[in-house]
Amino acid sequence: MSSQRVKQPSLSQLRAFVSVADHLHFRDAAAAIGMSQPALSGAVSALEETLGVQLLERTTRKVLLSTAGERLAVRAKAVLDAVGELMEEAEAAQAPFTGVLRLGVIPTVAPYLLPTVLRLVHDRYPELDLQVHEEQTSSLLEGLGAGRLDLLLLAVPLGVPGVVELPLFDEDFVLVTSEGHGLAGRADIPREALRELKLLLLDEGHCLRDQALDICREAGRDGGAPVTTTAAGLSTLVQLVAGGLGVTLLPRTAVKVETARNDQLLTGFFADPAPSRRIALSMRTGAAREAEFEEFAGALREALVELPVRVLTPYASPPDASSATSVAG
């Protein structure tokens, strides 16, 4: 029957009825919601007409709820509560750095930058509900395009239409070797040294693998030089290096965490210009929270100054091909 009814109650009618149900007195009910008594009485009568149900029993001395009125008063309160929650949620959505932020991060960034990101959110944006998703670049971009993710933290440039990159920093790659290796601990390693080294890399799908291979190609390494891929993560990769199976390239942010576990590992630095990668936040073009994300990027740049990176300006130019290699994988 309700589906055939064209007229629906208004919020003002529901408020009037709920106030009467709470006070059982027209004058007190009208005063409680700032409405004149005649207007309140008219609103309740209009609600009864709309619903086709008598809600009140009126006498000269008091007001009582009918049986139907008692049942519908509960429903009316629930509707008004839901509307109130809707308005609160809309107000919260207008306030920056509140609600949920779904952040996607690549595996070769997450363990090293998340402590800084989480500390920033805790200290500066306590009302923000940060949800972190660690995935490879292709999956993150799919999630951003589908609306499953709001913001990405990954290596750039991406070269993907519809995605805006907010550059954060550049970081150098270093050469991690075992203790007895000929290049162990050197501070002026030429890129050409990569041509013949037994290089250990991550599995297919990791952008860091592609970056390392591009660095090697730029150094003149040919396809016949040995490249062994046996690790799904950097932690395993450096342990293989410690065991003397080869060498690997690590971004500077990963060195402290990954090499501290084994005193058989040494770090070598390349001569300038060292190969590097660029890390950025990425969002959808025209994102509703664009201004918020840009402010978040600025705050994150400030927080990153303690890391071994070169923090960038918001409008940094693309990396110089002679010193930086950033390929999404």
Protein backbone atom coordinates (compact mmCIF):
# COMPACT_ATOMS: atom_id res chain seq x y z
CA MET A 1 0.00 0.00 0.00
CA SER A 2 2.86 2.38 0.86
CA SER A 3 4.32 1.94 -2.62
CA GLN A 4 1.08 3.33 -4.11
CA ARG A 5 1.10 6.44 -1.91
CA VAL A 6 2.39 9.47 -3.83
CA LYS A 7 2.62 11.96 -0.97
CA GLN A 8 5.41 11.53 1.54
CA PRO A 9 5.92 13.15 4.93
CA SER A 10 8.28 16.09 5.20
CA LEU A 11 11.06 16.34 7.74
CA SER A 12 9.34 19.28 9.42
CA GLN A 13 6.20 17.17 9.88
CA LEU A 14 8.24 14.35 11.40
CA ARG A 15 10.03 16.76 13.75
CA ALA A 16 6.73 18.22 14.89
CA PHE A 17 5.24 14.80 15.57
CA VAL A 18 8.33 13.53 17.42
CA SER A 19 8.38 16.65 19.60
CA VAL A 20 4.72 16.14 20.51
CA ALA A 21 5.39 12.47 21.21
CA ASP A 22 8.25 13.45 23.54
CA HIS A 23 6.39 16.19 25.43
CA LEU A 24 2.70 15.16 25.09
CA HIS A 25 1.95 18.87 25.19
CA PHE A 26 1.54 21.14 22.15
CA ARG A 27 2.88 24.32 23.70
CA ASP A 28 5.96 22.64 25.16
CA ALA A 29 6.55 20.68 21.96
CA ALA A 30 6.32 23.83 19.84
CA ALA A 31 8.75 25.70 22.10
CA ALA A 32 11.24 22.80 21.99
CA ILE A 33 11.66 23.01 18.22
CA GLY A 34 11.13 26.75 17.78
CA MET A 35 7.80 26.47 16.01
CA SER A 36 4.54 28.28 16.69
CA GLN A 37 1.83 26.17 18.27
CA PRO A 38 -0.61 26.54 15.33
CA ALA A 39 2.15 25.59 12.86
CA LEU A 40 3.05 22.55 14.97
CA SER A 41 -0.57 21.42 15.17
CA GLY A 42 -0.97 21.91 11.43
CA ALA A 43 2.21 19.91 10.70
CA VAL A 44 1.02 16.95 12.81
CA SER A 45 -2.43 17.03 11.16
CA ALA A 46 -0.79 17.11 7.72
CA LEU A 47 1.35 14.10 8.70
CA GLU A 48 -1.73 12.18 9.79
CA GLU A 49 -3.39 12.97 6.48
CA THR A 50 -0.31 11.93 4.51
CA LEU A 51 0.05 8.64 6.39
CA GLY A 52 -3.68 7.97 6.58
CA VAL A 53 -3.32 7.18 10.29
CA GLN A 54 -4.48 8.96 13.45
CA LEU A 55 -1.35 9.54 15.52
CA LEU A 56 -2.75 11.48 18.49
CA GLU A 57 -5.77 11.44 20.75
CA ARG A 58 -6.55 15.06 21.55
CA THR A 59 -8.61 16.12 24.55
CA THR A 60 -9.08 19.50 26.17
CA ARG A 61 -6.71 18.58 28.98
CA LYS A 62 -3.96 16.41 27.47
CA VAL A 63 -2.49 14.78 24.40
CA LEU A 64 -2.03 11.03 24.09
CA LEU A 65 -0.39 8.88 21.43
CA SER A 66 -2.68 6.44 19.67
CA THR A 67 -1.52 2.85 19.34
CA ALA A 68 -0.39 3.59 15.80
CA GLY A 69 1.21 6.82 17.01
CA GLU A 70 3.35 4.95 19.55
CA ARG A 71 4.66 2.62 16.86
CA LEU A 72 5.25 5.33 14.26
CA ALA A 73 6.93 7.66 16.75
CA VAL A 74 9.76 5.11 17.03
CA ARG A 75 10.09 5.02 13.26
CA ALA A 76 9.95 8.80 12.96
CA LYS A 77 12.76 9.20 15.52
CA ALA A 78 14.88 6.69 13.61
CA VAL A 79 14.36 8.64 10.38
CA LEU A 80 15.36 11.92 12.02
CA ASP A 81 18.40 10.28 13.62
CA ALA A 82 19.46 8.92 10.23
CA VAL A 83 19.06 12.34 8.63
CA GLY A 84 21.16 13.83 11.42
CA GLU A 85 23.88 11.27 10.81
CA LEU A 86 23.74 12.03 7.09
CA MET A 87 24.27 15.74 7.76
CA GLU A 88 27.14 15.00 10.16
CA GLU A 89 28.79 12.77 7.56
CA ALA A 90 28.42 15.45 4.89
CA GLU A 91 29.92 18.05 7.23
CA ALA A 92 32.83 15.71 8.00
CA ALA A 93 33.39 15.14 4.28
CA GLN A 94 33.78 18.89 3.82
CA ALA A 95 36.49 18.98 6.50
CA PRO A 96 39.95 18.05 5.18
CA PHE A 97 41.91 15.15 6.64
CA THR A 98 38.92 13.35 8.10
CA GLY A 99 37.32 10.08 7.09
CA VAL A 100 39.04 7.29 5.18
CA LEU A 101 42.15 7.67 3.02
CA ARG A 102 43.04 4.49 1.08
CA LEU A 103 46.76 4.69 0.33
CA GLY A 104 48.44 2.25 -2.06
CA VAL A 105 52.20 1.67 -1.68
CA ILE A 106 54.68 -0.42 -3.68
CA PRO A 107 56.64 -3.09 -1.73
CA THR A 108 60.03 -1.45 -2.30
CA VAL A 109 58.78 1.74 -0.62
CA ALA A 110 56.36 0.57 2.06
CA PRO A 111 58.75 -0.74 4.76
CA TYR A 112 61.02 2.30 4.55
CA LEU A 113 58.62 5.23 4.17
CA LEU A 114 55.54 4.05 6.05
CA PRO A 115 57.02 4.83 9.50
CA THR A 116 57.35 8.46 8.40
CA VAL A 117 53.88 8.51 6.81
CA LEU A 118 52.21 6.91 9.85
CA ARG A 119 53.94 9.26 12.27
CA LEU A 120 52.84 12.25 10.19
CA VAL A 121 49.21 11.09 10.14
CA HIS A 122 49.23 10.34 13.88
CA ASP A 123 50.74 13.68 14.86
CA ARG A 124 49.21 16.04 12.32
CA TYR A 125 46.01 14.41 11.05
CA PRO A 126 44.58 12.39 13.97
CA GLU A 127 41.06 12.39 12.49
CA LEU A 128 42.24 10.73 9.27
CA ASP A 129 41.49 7.01 8.94
CA LEU A 130 44.50 5.85 6.93
CA GLN A 131 44.15 2.44 5.27
CA VAL A 132 47.33 1.07 3.63
CA HIS A 133 47.40 -1.38 0.71
CA GLU A 134 50.80 -2.80 -0.36
CA GLU A 135 50.68 -3.94 -3.99
CA GLN A 136 52.77 -3.84 -7.14
CA THR A 137 52.49 -0.84 -9.45
CA SER A 138 50.12 -2.36 -12.01
CA SER A 139 47.66 -3.40 -9.30
CA LEU A 140 47.85 0.01 -7.62
CA LEU A 141 47.09 1.83 -10.86
CA GLU A 142 44.14 -0.47 -11.50
CA GLY A 143 42.85 0.25 -7.99
CA LEU A 144 43.26 4.00 -8.43
CA GLY A 145 41.38 3.97 -11.73
CA ALA A 146 38.57 1.84 -10.31
CA GLY A 147 38.16 4.03 -7.22
CA ARG A 148 39.34 1.28 -4.85
CA LEU A 149 42.32 3.45 -3.85
CA ASP A 150 42.52 7.21 -3.31
CA LEU A 151 46.23 7.94 -3.41
CA LEU A 152 49.39 6.05 -4.42
CA LEU A 153 52.99 6.20 -3.15
CA LEU A 154 55.26 4.78 -5.83
CA ALA A 155 58.10 5.32 -8.31
CA VAL A 156 57.51 7.67 -11.24
CA PRO A 157 57.22 8.67 -14.03
CA LEU A 158 54.23 6.47 -14.77
CA GLY A 159 53.17 7.78 -18.15
CA VAL A 160 49.54 6.92 -17.41
CA PRO A 161 46.74 9.21 -18.67
CA GLY A 162 44.41 10.49 -15.99
CA VAL A 163 46.98 10.28 -13.19
CA VAL A 164 48.58 13.34 -11.57
CA GLU A 165 52.01 12.91 -9.96
CA LEU A 166 53.04 14.93 -6.90
CA PRO A 167 56.83 14.49 -6.70
CA LEU A 168 58.25 13.93 -3.21
CA PHE A 169 61.95 13.08 -3.51
CA ASP A 170 64.79 11.56 -5.52
CA GLU A 171 67.00 8.91 -3.93
CA ASP A 172 70.24 7.33 -5.13
CA PHE A 173 70.80 3.65 -5.69
CA VAL A 174 73.72 2.03 -3.91
CA LEU A 175 75.58 -1.21 -4.58
CA VAL A 176 75.26 -3.83 -1.84
CA THR A 177 78.02 -6.46 -1.79
CA SER A 178 79.39 -9.14 0.47
CA GLU A 179 82.27 -8.20 2.75
CA GLY A 180 85.05 -9.61 0.57
CA HIS A 181 83.87 -8.21 -2.76
CA GLY A 182 86.26 -6.02 -4.74
CA LEU A 183 83.82 -3.08 -4.77
CA ALA A 184 82.80 -3.41 -1.10
CA GLY A 185 82.57 -0.08 0.68
CA ARG A 186 83.85 2.06 -2.20
CA ALA A 187 82.59 5.63 -2.50
CA ASP A 188 83.35 6.25 -6.20
CA ILE A 189 82.06 3.22 -8.08
CA PRO A 190 81.76 3.99 -11.83
CA ARG A 191 78.52 2.92 -13.48
CA GLU A 192 80.55 0.92 -15.96
CA ALA A 193 81.31 -1.55 -13.15
CA LEU A 194 77.76 -2.86 -13.55
CA ARG A 195 78.56 -4.29 -16.98
CA GLU A 196 80.06 -7.56 -15.74
CA LEU A 197 78.80 -7.96 -12.16
CA LYS A 198 76.70 -10.96 -11.15
CA LEU A 199 73.55 -9.03 -10.37
CA LEU A 200 70.73 -10.32 -8.16
CA LEU A 201 67.30 -8.80 -8.88
CA LEU A 202 63.71 -9.01 -7.71
CA ASP A 203 61.13 -11.14 -9.48
CA GLU A 204 59.21 -9.98 -12.53
CA GLY A 205 56.53 -7.40 -11.75
CA HIS A 206 58.57 -5.29 -9.31
CA CYS A 207 59.33 -1.83 -10.66
CA LEU A 208 62.68 -1.90 -8.85
CA ARG A 209 63.77 -4.78 -11.08
CA ASP A 210 62.99 -2.74 -14.19
CA GLN A 211 64.81 0.28 -12.76
CA ALA A 212 67.91 -1.78 -12.01
CA LEU A 213 67.94 -3.28 -15.50
CA ASP A 214 67.59 0.16 -17.07
CA ILE A 215 70.54 1.41 -15.00
CA CYS A 216 72.59 -1.53 -16.21
CA ARG A 217 71.66 -0.92 -19.84
CA GLU A 218 72.66 2.74 -19.49
CA ALA A 219 75.99 1.54 -18.09
CA GLY A 220 76.54 -0.53 -21.23
CA ARG A 221 75.65 -3.94 -19.83
CA ASP A 222 74.73 -6.36 -22.62
CA GLY A 223 72.13 -9.10 -22.52
CA GLY A 224 74.74 -11.82 -22.01
CA ALA A 225 75.94 -10.66 -18.59
CA PRO A 226 74.59 -12.91 -15.84
CA VAL A 227 71.42 -11.74 -14.09
CA THR A 228 69.99 -14.03 -11.44
CA THR A 229 66.42 -13.48 -10.26
CA THR A 230 65.68 -15.52 -7.19
CA ALA A 231 64.03 -13.17 -4.67
CA ALA A 232 60.51 -11.89 -4.13
CA GLY A 233 61.60 -9.23 -1.65
CA LEU A 234 64.57 -7.07 -0.76
CA SER A 235 65.16 -8.84 2.57
CA THR A 236 65.80 -12.14 0.80
CA LEU A 237 67.83 -10.42 -1.89
CA VAL A 238 70.38 -8.95 0.51
CA GLN A 239 70.78 -12.25 2.35
CA LEU A 240 71.68 -13.88 -0.95
CA VAL A 241 74.26 -11.13 -1.43
CA ALA A 242 75.65 -11.80 2.05
CA GLY A 243 76.04 -15.44 1.05
CA GLY A 244 78.28 -14.46 -1.84
CA LEU A 245 75.84 -15.24 -4.65
CA GLY A 246 76.19 -11.82 -6.28
CA VAL A 247 75.54 -8.11 -5.74
CA THR A 248 72.38 -6.02 -5.87
CA LEU A 249 71.15 -2.45 -6.12
CA LEU A 250 69.18 -0.91 -3.25
CA PRO A 251 67.53 2.51 -2.96
CA ARG A 252 69.09 4.57 -0.16
CA THR A 253 65.94 4.48 1.99
CA ALA A 254 66.15 0.69 2.16
CA VAL A 255 69.82 0.39 3.11
CA LYS A 256 69.60 0.94 6.86
CA VAL A 257 66.77 -1.56 7.33
CA GLU A 258 68.01 -4.27 4.98
CA THR A 259 71.76 -4.27 5.67
CA ALA A 260 71.52 -4.00 9.47
CA ARG A 261 70.50 -7.67 9.73
CA ASN A 262 73.83 -9.01 8.50
CA ASP A 263 77.35 -7.75 9.26
CA GLN A 264 78.64 -9.51 6.12
CA LEU A 265 77.08 -6.82 3.94
CA LEU A 266 78.80 -3.64 2.78
CA THR A 267 77.48 -0.67 0.84
CA GLY A 268 79.22 0.97 -2.08
CA PHE A 269 78.31 4.38 -3.51
CA PHE A 270 78.42 5.40 -7.16
CA ALA A 271 80.39 8.32 -8.48
CA ASP A 272 78.30 11.37 -9.37
CA PRO A 273 75.88 11.46 -10.99
CA ALA A 274 74.62 8.38 -9.16
CA PRO A 275 71.70 6.42 -10.61
CA SER A 276 68.50 7.29 -8.77
CA ARG A 277 64.75 6.91 -8.68
CA ARG A 278 61.93 9.38 -8.04
CA ILE A 279 59.12 8.70 -5.57
CA ALA A 280 55.81 10.56 -5.74
CA LEU A 281 52.25 10.56 -4.57
CA SER A 282 49.82 9.97 -7.43
CA MET A 283 46.10 10.73 -7.64
CA ARG A 284 43.34 10.71 -10.23
CA THR A 285 43.12 13.79 -12.41
CA GLY A 286 40.34 16.00 -11.05
CA ALA A 287 40.15 14.11 -7.73
CA ALA A 288 37.57 15.59 -5.37
CA ARG A 289 40.23 15.76 -2.63
CA GLU A 290 42.93 17.23 -4.86
CA ALA A 291 43.69 20.21 -2.61
CA GLU A 292 43.84 17.92 0.43
CA PHE A 293 46.23 15.51 -1.31
CA GLU A 294 48.49 18.37 -2.42
CA GLU A 295 48.65 19.64 1.15
CA PHE A 296 49.39 16.11 2.37
CA ALA A 297 52.25 15.87 -0.14
CA GLY A 298 53.68 19.14 1.16
CA ALA A 299 53.52 17.94 4.76
CA LEU A 300 55.15 14.65 3.77
CA ARG A 301 58.02 16.47 2.03
CA GLU A 302 58.70 18.30 5.28
CA ALA A 303 58.70 15.04 7.22
CA LEU A 304 61.09 13.34 4.77
CA VAL A 305 64.03 15.66 5.41
CA GLU A 306 65.43 13.21 7.98
CA LEU A 307 65.80 10.47 5.34
CA PRO A 308 68.78 10.08 2.94
CA VAL A 309 66.87 11.58 0.01
CA ARG A 310 66.71 14.81 -2.00
CA VAL A 311 63.32 16.35 -1.22
CA LEU A 312 61.74 18.02 -4.24
CA THR A 313 59.63 21.09 -4.81
CA PRO A 314 55.96 20.55 -5.78
CA TYR A 315 56.74 21.33 -9.44
CA ALA A 316 60.05 19.52 -9.82
CA SER A 317 61.16 18.84 -13.39
CA PRO A 318 61.36 15.24 -14.60
CA PRO A 319 64.50 13.30 -13.62
CA ASP A 320 67.56 13.82 -15.82
CA ALA A 321 67.93 10.68 -17.92
CA SER A 322 71.69 10.73 -17.35
CA SER A 323 71.39 10.45 -13.58
CA ALA A 324 67.98 9.00 -12.82
CA THR A 325 66.04 5.98 -13.90
CA SER A 326 62.42 5.58 -12.82
CA VAL A 327 60.35 3.02 -14.65
CA ALA A 328 57.04 1.77 -13.33
CA GLY A 329 56.74 -1.97 -13.21
